[in-house]
C-alpha atoms as a PDB file:
ATOM      1  CA  MET A   1      -0.066   0.260   0.214  1.00  0.00           C
ATOM      2  CA  ALA A   2       1.167   3.721  -0.923  1.00  0.00           C
ATOM      3  CA  ARG A   3       1.649   5.777   1.972  1.00  0.00           C
ATOM      4  CA  LYS A   4       0.168   9.389   1.655  1.00  0.00           C
ATOM      5  CA  ARG A   5       3.152  12.131   1.387  1.00  0.00           C
ATOM      6  CA  CYS A   6       2.519  14.719   4.254  1.00  0.00           C
ATOM      7  CA  THR A   7       1.650  18.361   2.715  1.00  0.00           C
ATOM      8  CA  GLU A   8       4.329  21.060   4.321  1.00  0.00           C
ATOM      9  CA  GLN A   9       1.472  21.851   6.912  1.00  0.00           C
ATOM     10  CA  GLU A  10       0.503  18.948   8.006  1.00  0.00           C
ATOM     11  CA  HIS A  11       4.137  18.690   8.798  1.00  0.00           C
ATOM     12  CA  GLN A  12       4.136  21.236  10.720  1.00  0.00           C
ATOM     13  CA  LEU A  13       1.154  20.806  12.735  1.00  0.00           C
ATOM     14  CA  ALA A  14       2.378  17.392  13.695  1.00  0.00           C
ATOM     15  CA  MET A  15       4.003  18.665  16.471  1.00  0.00           C
ATOM     16  CA  SER A  16       1.986  20.810  19.359  1.00  0.00           C
ATOM     17  CA  ASP A  17       3.718  24.402  20.494  1.00  0.00           C
ATOM     18  CA  GLU A  18       3.808  23.326  24.051  1.00  0.00           C
ATOM     19  CA  ALA A  19       6.316  20.033  22.132  1.00  0.00           C
ATOM     20  CA  ALA A  20       8.661  22.512  20.373  1.00  0.00           C
ATOM     21  CA  ALA A  21       8.757  24.743  22.765  1.00  0.00           C
ATOM     22  CA  TYR A  22       9.953  21.769  25.358  1.00  0.00           C
ATOM     23  CA  ILE A  23      12.358  20.354  22.612  1.00  0.00           C
ATOM     24  CA  ALA A  24      13.770  23.669  21.987  1.00  0.00           C
ATOM     25  CA  ASP A  25      14.737  24.595  25.634  1.00  0.00           C
ATOM     26  CA  ALA A  26      16.355  21.569  25.707  1.00  0.00           C
ATOM     27  CA  LEU A  27      18.216  21.810  22.797  1.00  0.00           C
ATOM     28  CA  MET A  28      19.397  24.794  24.356  1.00  0.00           C
ATOM     29  CA  GLN A  29      20.401  24.103  27.678  1.00  0.00           C
ATOM     30  CA  LEU A  30      22.339  20.743  25.781  1.00  0.00           C
ATOM     31  CA  ALA A  31      24.259  23.662  23.949  1.00  0.00           C
ATOM     32  CA  VAL A  32      24.741  25.578  26.717  1.00  0.00           C
ATOM     33  CA  GLU A  33      25.804  22.643  28.786  1.00  0.00           C
ATOM     34  CA  PHE A  34      28.257  21.247  25.869  1.00  0.00           C
ATOM     35  CA  GLU A  35      29.946  24.481  25.357  1.00  0.00           C
ATOM     36  CA  ASP A  36      30.656  24.998  29.312  1.00  0.00           C
ATOM     37  CA  ASP A  37      31.985  21.281  29.532  1.00  0.00           C
ATOM     38  CA  HIS A  38      34.307  22.440  26.237  1.00  0.00           C
ATOM     39  CA  TYR A  39      34.892  25.904  27.013  1.00  0.00           C
ATOM     40  CA  ALA A  40      38.485  26.121  26.564  1.00  0.00           C
ATOM     41  CA  GLN A  41      39.168  23.330  23.682  1.00  0.00           C
ATOM     42  CA  ILE A  42      36.566  25.287  21.551  1.00  0.00           C
ATOM     43  CA  ARG A  43      38.775  29.201  23.001  1.00  0.00           C
ATOM     44  CA  ARG A  44      42.108  27.039  21.481  1.00  0.00           C
ATOM     45  CA  HIS A  45      39.795  25.986  18.096  1.00  0.00           C
ATOM     46  CA  TYR A  46      39.305  29.742  17.185  1.00  0.00           C
ATOM     47  CA  ALA A  47      42.698  31.133  18.640  1.00  0.00           C
ATOM     48  CA  THR A  48      44.936  28.826  16.710  1.00  0.00           C
ATOM     49  CA  PRO A  49      45.875  30.729  13.307  1.00  0.00           C
ATOM     50  CA  SER A  50      45.328  28.294  10.215  1.00  0.00           C
ATOM     51  CA  ASP A  51      46.761  29.234   6.980  1.00  0.00           C
ATOM     52  CA  GLU A  52      44.907  26.761   5.051  1.00  0.00           C
ATOM     53  CA  PRO A  53      41.394  25.256   5.949  1.00  0.00           C
ATOM     54  CA  ALA A  54      41.930  21.347   7.213  1.00  0.00           C
ATOM     55  CA  ARG A  55      41.822  19.892   3.575  1.00  0.00           C
ATOM     56  CA  ASP A  56      39.389  16.293   3.463  1.00  0.00           C
ATOM     57  CA  PRO A  57      41.088  13.932   1.212  1.00  0.00           C
ATOM     58  CA  ARG A  58      36.941  13.281  -0.010  1.00  0.00           C
ATOM     59  CA  GLN A  59      36.726  16.496  -1.270  1.00  0.00           C
ATOM     60  CA  LEU A  60      37.205  17.239  -4.917  1.00  0.00           C
ATOM     61  CA  ASP A  61      39.319  19.438  -6.142  1.00  0.00           C
ATOM     62  CA  LEU A  62      37.428  22.051  -7.831  1.00  0.00           C
ATOM     63  CA  PHE A  63      39.530  25.039  -7.867  1.00  0.00           C
ATOM     64  CA  PRO A  64      43.246  23.607  -8.779  1.00  0.00           C
ATOM     65  CA  GLU A  65      45.560  25.830  -7.350  1.00  0.00           C
ATOM     66  CA  HIS A  66      47.433  26.924 -10.854  1.00  0.00           C
ATOM     67  CA  SER A  67      44.402  27.273 -13.002  1.00  0.00           C
ATOM     68  CA  CYS A  68      43.397  30.266 -14.557  1.00  0.00           C
ATOM     69  CA  PHE A  69      40.274  32.274 -13.393  1.00  0.00           C
ATOM     70  CA  PRO A  70      38.525  34.766 -16.083  1.00  0.00           C
ATOM     71  CA  PHE A  71      37.889  36.968 -13.359  1.00  0.00           C
ATOM     72  CA  ASP A  72      40.685  36.459 -11.150  1.00  0.00           C
ATOM     73  CA  GLN A  73      42.554  39.594 -10.402  1.00  0.00           C
ATOM     74  CA  ARG A  74      46.119  38.141  -9.794  1.00  0.00           C
ATOM     75  CA  ASN A  75      46.490  37.517 -13.071  1.00  0.00           C
ATOM     76  CA  ALA A  76      45.599  41.077 -14.265  1.00  0.00           C
ATOM     77  CA  PHE A  77      49.022  42.520 -15.947  1.00  0.00           C
END
C-alpha cells in the first residue's frame, strides 16, 4: 500500500506548540552544557591561526591552484 506524503502544513502541525517549546529548551540546554564542558577546546580552536583550511581527502579539488580564472584579479597585468 502506498504511503501518503505529508504536505508542509500537515508536517508543521504534527507537533504541538508546547512540544516545540520543550524541544527548543532541551536543545538550548544541551548546547549550553556542551559549551561549558568544552569551552577551552572551542577557544583554542578559534584562537589557533590556520594558514589554510584542513583538507578532507574525500573532497574533490574543484578549483586547482594553478588554473586561470577569467575574473581572477591576481592574473591581471
